[in-house]
Amino acid sequence: MARTVIRTTFSPRRMALSIVVLVVATTMFQPERNGVTAFSPRVPTHRFASRTLSTSTSSSTSSFLRSSPLFGSSIDDGMLLRDECIITPEGYGFSCPTSRILKESGRGQGFYKASASESVIDVMEAITSGTSDVALVFQGDELLGLFTEADYIKFAQARALASSTEQQSAEFLVANVRDYITPAQDLIALSTQDTANVAVAAMKQAAVRHLILADTVSSDRKLVSSSQVQGVISMQDVMSVIQKDERLSLQSLAKKYPNIQNP
C-alpha cells in the first residue's frame, strides 16, 4: 500500500520569526497578579511613575484599560501608560510629579480663592479676567468646593428654568457662589508626589478637567480633614508639560535611531 507522506518545511526566515515570537512572549507575559495578567518587562524602568494608587472605575473603563496594551499592567496601578511607552527620563513627561506641573503652569496655585458669600457674577469675573480658570470657595479656612466655567453653565441653566422675569434673572447673578459649587467631598485630589501619568488617568476615569493637589489625600483620591491644599492643575497644564518633555526626548531619540525623522 502506498503511503502518503506530508512534509512540512520551514524557511530559515520563518523559523527565526517563530523563535523571536517565543522569546518576546516569554519575556513580556508574567503570572497573574490581583486577577489581571501582567504585561510589562521583568525590570520596570520608571518606578516613580509606577506608584501603586488604588482606583475605583466603572466596569466598562476597567475592561478597556485591561484590554489595551498601552495601559498599565493592572487597573489598580492607576496609570494611563505602562512604563515601556514612556520615552522621557524619570521625573519628566508622564513620570513628571504634579508639583512640577503646578510650578510650570505659571499660575501660582492655579485657583482664585473665593469667599462663600461672594456673588456668582463676581467670581466668574475673577476667573475669566485673571490667570486662574477655577475658583476654590472657602468658608473661613474650610474648603467648601470648586467653581468652574462648567458650574457657571449649570447655574445659567438653572437661572433660565427658574426665572420668569428680568428681575428674577438679575437676582440670580448676585446669588452666593456657595450654592452652585462642586462640593469638596466630590473633588478628585492627588498628592504633589503623584505623576502626570496618574493625573491623566484620574481625570479620564472621573471625567473631570481639574485636580486638587494636596499634601495628603486618601487612597480613593479624596481630600481628608488634615489635607492642606497646594493648588489646582488642569488637563491642559499636564499635557503642556508632557508635550514639551517628550519633544526634547524625541530630539535625542532621533539621533539614536536614524530612521526617526528629526523633529
C-alpha atoms as a PDB file:
ATOM      1  CA  MET A   1       0.000   0.000   0.000  1.00  0.00           C
ATOM      2  CA  ALA A   2       1.319   3.381  -0.938  1.00  0.00           C
ATOM      3  CA  ARG A   3       1.801   5.815   1.875  1.00  0.00           C
ATOM      4  CA  THR A   4       1.236   9.489   1.559  1.00  0.00           C
ATOM      5  CA  VAL A   5       3.946  11.496   3.258  1.00  0.00           C
ATOM      6  CA  ILE A   6       3.174  15.093   4.153  1.00  0.00           C
ATOM      7  CA  ARG A   7       6.290  17.153   4.647  1.00  0.00           C
ATOM      8  CA  THR A   8       6.279  20.461   6.378  1.00  0.00           C
ATOM      9  CA  THR A   9       9.209  22.713   5.679  1.00  0.00           C
ATOM     10  CA  PHE A  10      10.212  25.911   7.404  1.00  0.00           C
ATOM     11  CA  SER A  11      12.305  28.530   5.760  1.00  0.00           C
ATOM     12  CA  PRO A  12      15.126  29.981   7.881  1.00  0.00           C
ATOM     13  CA  ARG A  13      13.263  33.286   7.954  1.00  0.00           C
ATOM     14  CA  ARG A  14      10.056  31.693   9.275  1.00  0.00           C
ATOM     15  CA  MET A  15      11.945  29.695  11.883  1.00  0.00           C
ATOM     16  CA  ALA A  16      13.775  32.816  13.070  1.00  0.00           C
ATOM     17  CA  LEU A  17      10.487  34.684  13.340  1.00  0.00           C
ATOM     18  CA  SER A  18       8.993  31.865  15.407  1.00  0.00           C
ATOM     19  CA  ILE A  19      11.922  31.988  17.812  1.00  0.00           C
ATOM     20  CA  VAL A  20      11.606  35.762  18.208  1.00  0.00           C
ATOM     21  CA  VAL A  21       7.877  35.499  18.946  1.00  0.00           C
ATOM     22  CA  LEU A  22       8.530  32.800  21.547  1.00  0.00           C
ATOM     23  CA  VAL A  23      11.235  34.858  23.262  1.00  0.00           C
ATOM     24  CA  VAL A  24       9.110  38.009  23.323  1.00  0.00           C
ATOM     25  CA  ALA A  25       6.110  36.150  24.717  1.00  0.00           C
ATOM     26  CA  THR A  26       8.234  34.543  27.427  1.00  0.00           C
ATOM     27  CA  THR A  27       9.772  37.880  28.386  1.00  0.00           C
ATOM     28  CA  MET A  28       6.685  40.079  28.332  1.00  0.00           C
ATOM     29  CA  PHE A  29       3.980  37.963  29.925  1.00  0.00           C
ATOM     30  CA  GLN A  30       4.199  37.253  33.626  1.00  0.00           C
ATOM     31  CA  PRO A  31       1.995  35.452  36.161  1.00  0.00           C
ATOM     32  CA  GLU A  32      -1.390  36.831  37.023  1.00  0.00           C
ATOM     33  CA  ARG A  33      -1.418  39.464  39.751  1.00  0.00           C
ATOM     34  CA  ASN A  34      -4.567  40.611  41.515  1.00  0.00           C
ATOM     35  CA  GLY A  35      -6.674  38.911  38.879  1.00  0.00           C
ATOM     36  CA  VAL A  36      -5.084  40.780  35.959  1.00  0.00           C
ATOM     37  CA  THR A  37      -2.421  39.320  33.702  1.00  0.00           C
ATOM     38  CA  ALA A  38       0.676  41.479  33.812  1.00  0.00           C
ATOM     39  CA  PHE A  39       2.058  42.851  30.577  1.00  0.00           C
ATOM     40  CA  SER A  40       5.349  44.523  31.324  1.00  0.00           C
ATOM     41  CA  PRO A  41       9.061  43.721  31.272  1.00  0.00           C
ATOM     42  CA  ARG A  42      10.534  41.927  34.231  1.00  0.00           C
ATOM     43  CA  VAL A  43      12.541  45.021  35.146  1.00  0.00           C
ATOM     44  CA  PRO A  44      10.458  48.241  35.351  1.00  0.00           C
ATOM     45  CA  THR A  45      12.171  51.405  34.151  1.00  0.00           C
ATOM     46  CA  HIS A  46      10.006  54.063  35.789  1.00  0.00           C
ATOM     47  CA  ARG A  47       9.495  53.111  39.423  1.00  0.00           C
ATOM     48  CA  PHE A  48       8.392  56.638  40.297  1.00  0.00           C
ATOM     49  CA  ALA A  49       5.729  56.638  37.615  1.00  0.00           C
ATOM     50  CA  SER A  50       4.599  53.196  38.741  1.00  0.00           C
ATOM     51  CA  ARG A  51       3.480  54.180  42.232  1.00  0.00           C
ATOM     52  CA  THR A  52       0.502  51.993  43.056  1.00  0.00           C
ATOM     53  CA  LEU A  53      -2.619  54.040  43.637  1.00  0.00           C
ATOM     54  CA  SER A  54      -5.901  52.203  44.126  1.00  0.00           C
ATOM     55  CA  THR A  55      -8.745  53.446  41.973  1.00  0.00           C
ATOM     56  CA  SER A  56     -12.418  52.794  41.509  1.00  0.00           C
ATOM     57  CA  THR A  57     -13.641  52.696  37.938  1.00  0.00           C
ATOM     58  CA  SER A  58     -16.710  51.667  36.027  1.00  0.00           C
ATOM     59  CA  SER A  59     -16.785  48.158  34.586  1.00  0.00           C
ATOM     60  CA  SER A  60     -16.546  49.493  31.035  1.00  0.00           C
ATOM     61  CA  THR A  61     -13.497  51.625  31.855  1.00  0.00           C
ATOM     62  CA  SER A  62     -11.843  48.735  33.687  1.00  0.00           C
ATOM     63  CA  SER A  63     -12.417  46.413  30.738  1.00  0.00           C
ATOM     64  CA  PHE A  64     -10.956  48.920  28.294  1.00  0.00           C
ATOM     65  CA  LEU A  65      -7.891  49.608  30.420  1.00  0.00           C
ATOM     66  CA  ARG A  66      -7.194  45.912  30.902  1.00  0.00           C
ATOM     67  CA  SER A  67      -7.552  45.095  27.219  1.00  0.00           C
ATOM     68  CA  SER A  68      -5.288  47.821  25.853  1.00  0.00           C
ATOM     69  CA  PRO A  69      -1.530  47.104  25.677  1.00  0.00           C
ATOM     70  CA  LEU A  70      -0.839  50.818  26.073  1.00  0.00           C
ATOM     71  CA  PHE A  71      -2.187  50.881  29.586  1.00  0.00           C
ATOM     72  CA  GLY A  72      -0.705  49.775  32.887  1.00  0.00           C
ATOM     73  CA  SER A  73      -0.343  46.147  33.855  1.00  0.00           C
ATOM     74  CA  SER A  74      -3.122  46.439  36.414  1.00  0.00           C
ATOM     75  CA  ILE A  75      -6.129  48.700  36.749  1.00  0.00           C
ATOM     76  CA  ASP A  76      -5.040  49.235  40.359  1.00  0.00           C
ATOM     77  CA  ASP A  77      -1.872  50.952  39.145  1.00  0.00           C
ATOM     78  CA  GLY A  78      -3.987  54.000  38.351  1.00  0.00           C
ATOM     79  CA  MET A  79      -1.777  54.891  35.378  1.00  0.00           C
ATOM     80  CA  LEU A  80      -2.542  55.876  31.816  1.00  0.00           C
ATOM     81  CA  LEU A  81       0.520  54.335  30.139  1.00  0.00           C
ATOM     82  CA  ARG A  82       2.651  51.367  31.049  1.00  0.00           C
ATOM     83  CA  ASP A  83       6.325  52.102  31.641  1.00  0.00           C
ATOM     84  CA  GLU A  84       7.558  50.894  28.247  1.00  0.00           C
ATOM     85  CA  CYS A  85       5.553  53.607  26.477  1.00  0.00           C
ATOM     86  CA  ILE A  86       7.279  56.400  28.414  1.00  0.00           C
ATOM     87  CA  ILE A  87      10.161  57.799  26.361  1.00  0.00           C
ATOM     88  CA  THR A  88      11.348  60.503  28.755  1.00  0.00           C
ATOM     89  CA  PRO A  89      13.818  60.161  31.646  1.00  0.00           C
ATOM     90  CA  GLU A  90      12.371  59.500  35.082  1.00  0.00           C
ATOM     91  CA  GLY A  91      10.875  62.668  36.510  1.00  0.00           C
ATOM     92  CA  TYR A  92       9.887  64.044  33.102  1.00  0.00           C
ATOM     93  CA  GLY A  93       6.976  63.605  30.717  1.00  0.00           C
ATOM     94  CA  PHE A  94       4.425  61.127  32.043  1.00  0.00           C
ATOM     95  CA  SER A  95       6.619  60.476  35.103  1.00  0.00           C
ATOM     96  CA  CYS A  96       6.770  64.184  35.980  1.00  0.00           C
ATOM     97  CA  PRO A  97       5.483  64.929  39.516  1.00  0.00           C
ATOM     98  CA  THR A  98       2.374  67.071  39.779  1.00  0.00           C
ATOM     99  CA  SER A  99       4.283  69.594  41.913  1.00  0.00           C
ATOM    100  CA  ARG A 100       6.403  70.437  38.860  1.00  0.00           C
ATOM    101  CA  ILE A 101       3.314  70.677  36.656  1.00  0.00           C
ATOM    102  CA  LEU A 102       1.815  73.219  39.055  1.00  0.00           C
ATOM    103  CA  LYS A 103       5.037  75.229  39.112  1.00  0.00           C
ATOM    104  CA  GLU A 104       5.463  75.257  35.338  1.00  0.00           C
ATOM    105  CA  SER A 105       1.867  76.302  34.747  1.00  0.00           C
ATOM    106  CA  GLY A 106       2.987  79.798  35.760  1.00  0.00           C
ATOM    107  CA  ARG A 107      -0.323  80.478  37.504  1.00  0.00           C
ATOM    108  CA  GLY A 108       0.734  80.360  41.131  1.00  0.00           C
ATOM    109  CA  GLN A 109      -1.554  77.961  42.960  1.00  0.00           C
ATOM    110  CA  GLY A 110      -3.797  77.741  39.918  1.00  0.00           C
ATOM    111  CA  PHE A 111      -7.007  78.973  41.521  1.00  0.00           C
ATOM    112  CA  TYR A 112      -8.843  82.090  42.626  1.00  0.00           C
ATOM    113  CA  LYS A 113      -9.671  81.980  46.332  1.00  0.00           C
ATOM    114  CA  ALA A 114     -13.315  82.967  46.739  1.00  0.00           C
ATOM    115  CA  SER A 115     -15.386  83.591  49.814  1.00  0.00           C
ATOM    116  CA  ALA A 116     -18.612  81.642  50.207  1.00  0.00           C
ATOM    117  CA  SER A 117     -20.560  84.897  50.326  1.00  0.00           C
ATOM    118  CA  GLU A 118     -19.205  86.258  47.018  1.00  0.00           C
ATOM    119  CA  SER A 119     -21.688  86.522  44.187  1.00  0.00           C
ATOM    120  CA  VAL A 120     -21.593  84.205  41.207  1.00  0.00           C
ATOM    121  CA  ILE A 121     -21.058  87.108  38.816  1.00  0.00           C
ATOM    122  CA  ASP A 122     -18.067  88.442  40.797  1.00  0.00           C
ATOM    123  CA  VAL A 123     -16.390  85.031  40.966  1.00  0.00           C
ATOM    124  CA  MET A 124     -16.897  84.496  37.252  1.00  0.00           C
ATOM    125  CA  GLU A 125     -15.334  87.874  36.533  1.00  0.00           C
ATOM    126  CA  ALA A 126     -12.339  86.965  38.696  1.00  0.00           C
ATOM    127  CA  ILE A 127     -11.635  83.661  36.962  1.00  0.00           C
ATOM    128  CA  THR A 128     -12.224  84.937  33.434  1.00  0.00           C
ATOM    129  CA  SER A 129     -10.120  88.074  33.784  1.00  0.00           C
ATOM    130  CA  GLY A 130      -7.273  86.571  35.818  1.00  0.00           C
ATOM    131  CA  THR A 131      -4.711  83.834  35.258  1.00  0.00           C
ATOM    132  CA  SER A 132      -6.722  81.129  37.035  1.00  0.00           C
ATOM    133  CA  ASP A 133      -9.649  79.431  35.350  1.00  0.00           C
ATOM    134  CA  VAL A 134     -11.207  77.986  38.521  1.00  0.00           C
ATOM    135  CA  ALA A 135     -12.143  79.190  41.983  1.00  0.00           C
ATOM    136  CA  LEU A 136     -11.870  77.353  45.274  1.00  0.00           C
ATOM    137  CA  VAL A 137     -14.627  78.542  47.582  1.00  0.00           C
ATOM    138  CA  PHE A 138     -13.859  78.826  51.292  1.00  0.00           C
ATOM    139  CA  GLN A 139     -15.828  79.497  54.451  1.00  0.00           C
ATOM    140  CA  GLY A 140     -13.039  80.856  56.593  1.00  0.00           C
ATOM    141  CA  ASP A 141     -10.316  78.193  56.386  1.00  0.00           C
ATOM    142  CA  GLU A 142     -12.723  75.438  55.357  1.00  0.00           C
ATOM    143  CA  LEU A 143     -12.792  74.439  51.691  1.00  0.00           C
ATOM    144  CA  LEU A 144     -16.398  74.184  50.565  1.00  0.00           C
ATOM    145  CA  GLY A 145     -15.872  73.312  46.929  1.00  0.00           C
ATOM    146  CA  LEU A 146     -14.810  74.192  43.396  1.00  0.00           C
ATOM    147  CA  PHE A 147     -16.407  76.606  40.923  1.00  0.00           C
ATOM    148  CA  THR A 148     -15.550  76.448  37.226  1.00  0.00           C
ATOM    149  CA  GLU A 149     -16.981  77.605  33.929  1.00  0.00           C
ATOM    150  CA  ALA A 150     -18.860  74.296  33.766  1.00  0.00           C
ATOM    151  CA  ASP A 151     -20.551  75.160  37.071  1.00  0.00           C
ATOM    152  CA  TYR A 152     -21.455  78.561  35.659  1.00  0.00           C
ATOM    153  CA  ILE A 153     -23.160  76.877  32.705  1.00  0.00           C
ATOM    154  CA  LYS A 154     -25.200  74.753  35.134  1.00  0.00           C
ATOM    155  CA  PHE A 155     -26.002  77.940  37.036  1.00  0.00           C
ATOM    156  CA  ALA A 156     -27.173  79.646  33.824  1.00  0.00           C
ATOM    157  CA  GLN A 157     -29.415  76.689  33.009  1.00  0.00           C
ATOM    158  CA  ALA A 158     -30.937  76.814  36.490  1.00  0.00           C
ATOM    159  CA  ARG A 159     -31.498  80.559  36.087  1.00  0.00           C
ATOM    160  CA  ALA A 160     -33.254  80.044  32.757  1.00  0.00           C
ATOM    161  CA  LEU A 161     -35.594  77.449  34.244  1.00  0.00           C
ATOM    162  CA  ALA A 162     -36.397  79.378  37.425  1.00  0.00           C
ATOM    163  CA  SER A 163     -36.602  82.951  36.121  1.00  0.00           C
ATOM    164  CA  SER A 164     -39.739  84.275  34.514  1.00  0.00           C
ATOM    165  CA  THR A 165     -38.914  87.978  34.753  1.00  0.00           C
ATOM    166  CA  GLU A 166     -35.909  90.205  34.136  1.00  0.00           C
ATOM    167  CA  GLN A 167     -35.687  90.994  37.845  1.00  0.00           C
ATOM    168  CA  GLN A 168     -35.579  87.338  38.833  1.00  0.00           C
ATOM    169  CA  SER A 169     -32.831  86.702  36.309  1.00  0.00           C
ATOM    170  CA  ALA A 170     -30.776  89.595  37.705  1.00  0.00           C
ATOM    171  CA  GLU A 171     -31.237  88.336  41.253  1.00  0.00           C
ATOM    172  CA  PHE A 172     -29.662  85.037  40.237  1.00  0.00           C
ATOM    173  CA  LEU A 173     -26.438  86.796  39.250  1.00  0.00           C
ATOM    174  CA  VAL A 174     -25.907  88.147  42.758  1.00  0.00           C
ATOM    175  CA  ALA A 175     -26.641  84.808  44.425  1.00  0.00           C
ATOM    176  CA  ASN A 176     -23.939  83.377  46.677  1.00  0.00           C
ATOM    177  CA  VAL A 177     -21.460  81.225  44.789  1.00  0.00           C
ATOM    178  CA  ARG A 178     -21.535  78.605  47.543  1.00  0.00           C
ATOM    179  CA  ASP A 179     -24.916  77.448  46.240  1.00  0.00           C
ATOM    180  CA  TYR A 180     -23.508  76.462  42.831  1.00  0.00           C
ATOM    181  CA  ILE A 181     -20.194  74.767  43.561  1.00  0.00           C
ATOM    182  CA  THR A 182     -18.980  71.213  43.189  1.00  0.00           C
ATOM    183  CA  PRO A 183     -18.747  70.116  46.866  1.00  0.00           C
ATOM    184  CA  ALA A 184     -15.309  69.427  48.327  1.00  0.00           C
ATOM    185  CA  GLN A 185     -16.216  65.807  49.062  1.00  0.00           C
ATOM    186  CA  ASP A 186     -16.816  65.217  45.344  1.00  0.00           C
ATOM    187  CA  LEU A 187     -13.493  66.642  44.159  1.00  0.00           C
ATOM    188  CA  ILE A 188     -10.696  64.428  42.853  1.00  0.00           C
ATOM    189  CA  ALA A 189      -7.424  65.061  44.663  1.00  0.00           C
ATOM    190  CA  LEU A 190      -3.847  63.888  44.174  1.00  0.00           C
ATOM    191  CA  SER A 191      -0.663  64.209  46.150  1.00  0.00           C
ATOM    192  CA  THR A 192       2.007  66.577  44.871  1.00  0.00           C
ATOM    193  CA  GLN A 193       4.205  63.477  44.542  1.00  0.00           C
ATOM    194  CA  ASP A 194       1.854  61.709  42.134  1.00  0.00           C
ATOM    195  CA  THR A 195       2.867  61.725  38.492  1.00  0.00           C
ATOM    196  CA  ALA A 196       1.425  63.103  35.270  1.00  0.00           C
ATOM    197  CA  ASN A 197       0.684  59.504  34.299  1.00  0.00           C
ATOM    198  CA  VAL A 198      -1.583  59.130  37.334  1.00  0.00           C
ATOM    199  CA  ALA A 199      -3.082  62.607  36.867  1.00  0.00           C
ATOM    200  CA  VAL A 200      -4.220  61.979  33.290  1.00  0.00           C
ATOM    201  CA  ALA A 201      -5.673  58.589  34.235  1.00  0.00           C
ATOM    202  CA  ALA A 202      -7.510  60.123  37.203  1.00  0.00           C
ATOM    203  CA  MET A 203      -9.070  62.851  35.065  1.00  0.00           C
ATOM    204  CA  LYS A 204     -10.083  60.392  32.342  1.00  0.00           C
ATOM    205  CA  GLN A 205     -11.619  57.939  34.791  1.00  0.00           C
ATOM    206  CA  ALA A 206     -13.530  60.627  36.705  1.00  0.00           C
ATOM    207  CA  ALA A 207     -14.408  62.650  33.569  1.00  0.00           C
ATOM    208  CA  VAL A 208     -13.078  65.893  35.067  1.00  0.00           C
ATOM    209  CA  ARG A 209     -10.726  68.599  33.793  1.00  0.00           C
ATOM    210  CA  HIS A 210      -9.226  69.763  37.098  1.00  0.00           C
ATOM    211  CA  LEU A 211      -7.476  68.091  40.018  1.00  0.00           C
ATOM    212  CA  ILE A 212      -6.863  69.382  43.528  1.00  0.00           C
ATOM    213  CA  LEU A 213      -3.278  68.944  44.735  1.00  0.00           C
ATOM    214  CA  ALA A 214      -2.734  68.444  48.445  1.00  0.00           C
ATOM    215  CA  ASP A 215      -0.026  67.243  50.793  1.00  0.00           C
ATOM    216  CA  THR A 216      -2.205  64.357  51.978  1.00  0.00           C
ATOM    217  CA  VAL A 217      -5.047  62.560  50.197  1.00  0.00           C
ATOM    218  CA  SER A 218      -6.976  59.352  50.775  1.00  0.00           C
ATOM    219  CA  SER A 219      -6.440  56.148  48.824  1.00  0.00           C
ATOM    220  CA  ASP A 220      -9.601  56.852  46.815  1.00  0.00           C
ATOM    221  CA  ARG A 221      -8.299  60.290  45.725  1.00  0.00           C
ATOM    222  CA  LYS A 222     -10.261  62.450  48.125  1.00  0.00           C
ATOM    223  CA  LEU A 223      -9.283  65.251  50.454  1.00  0.00           C
ATOM    224  CA  VAL A 224      -9.127  64.373  54.149  1.00  0.00           C
ATOM    225  CA  SER A 225      -9.550  66.550  57.228  1.00  0.00           C
ATOM    226  CA  SER A 226      -5.794  67.089  57.504  1.00  0.00           C
ATOM    227  CA  SER A 227      -5.275  67.904  53.809  1.00  0.00           C
ATOM    228  CA  GLN A 228      -3.508  71.154  53.018  1.00  0.00           C
ATOM    229  CA  VAL A 229      -4.418  72.317  49.519  1.00  0.00           C
ATOM    230  CA  GLN A 230      -1.331  73.110  47.437  1.00  0.00           C
ATOM    231  CA  GLY A 231      -3.009  74.081  44.184  1.00  0.00           C
ATOM    232  CA  VAL A 232      -5.168  73.112  41.215  1.00  0.00           C
ATOM    233  CA  ILE A 233      -3.985  71.733  37.878  1.00  0.00           C
ATOM    234  CA  SER A 234      -5.901  71.154  34.669  1.00  0.00           C
ATOM    235  CA  MET A 235      -5.593  68.649  31.848  1.00  0.00           C
ATOM    236  CA  GLN A 236      -4.073  71.428  29.746  1.00  0.00           C
ATOM    237  CA  ASP A 237      -1.386  72.042  32.391  1.00  0.00           C
ATOM    238  CA  VAL A 238      -0.483  68.355  32.470  1.00  0.00           C
ATOM    239  CA  MET A 239      -0.378  67.858  28.715  1.00  0.00           C
ATOM    240  CA  SER A 240       1.661  71.033  28.194  1.00  0.00           C
ATOM    241  CA  VAL A 241       4.491  69.682  30.370  1.00  0.00           C
ATOM    242  CA  ILE A 242       4.284  66.192  28.858  1.00  0.00           C
ATOM    243  CA  GLN A 243       4.422  67.550  25.301  1.00  0.00           C
ATOM    244  CA  LYS A 244       7.444  69.760  25.997  1.00  0.00           C
ATOM    245  CA  ASP A 245       9.356  66.954  27.713  1.00  0.00           C
ATOM    246  CA  GLU A 246       8.555  64.412  25.018  1.00  0.00           C
ATOM    247  CA  ARG A 247       9.615  66.862  22.319  1.00  0.00           C
ATOM    248  CA  LEU A 248      13.062  67.145  23.939  1.00  0.00           C
ATOM    249  CA  SER A 249      13.324  63.362  24.285  1.00  0.00           C
ATOM    250  CA  LEU A 250      12.275  62.870  20.673  1.00  0.00           C
ATOM    251  CA  GLN A 251      15.093  65.121  19.503  1.00  0.00           C
ATOM    252  CA  SER A 252      17.581  62.913  21.370  1.00  0.00           C
ATOM    253  CA  LEU A 253      15.979  59.670  20.194  1.00  0.00           C
ATOM    254  CA  ALA A 254      16.119  60.860  16.586  1.00  0.00           C
ATOM    255  CA  LYS A 255      19.902  60.889  16.890  1.00  0.00           C
ATOM    256  CA  LYS A 256      19.906  57.427  18.439  1.00  0.00           C
ATOM    257  CA  TYR A 257      17.511  55.956  15.869  1.00  0.00           C
ATOM    258  CA  PRO A 258      18.274  57.385  12.395  1.00  0.00           C
ATOM    259  CA  ASN A 259      15.022  56.059  10.952  1.00  0.00           C
ATOM    260  CA  ILE A 260      13.103  58.527  13.130  1.00  0.00           C
ATOM    261  CA  GLN A 261      12.715  61.840  11.377  1.00  0.00           C
ATOM    262  CA  ASN A 262      14.427  64.551  13.376  1.00  0.00           C
ATOM    263  CA  PRO A 263      11.761  66.958  14.619  1.00  0.00           C
END
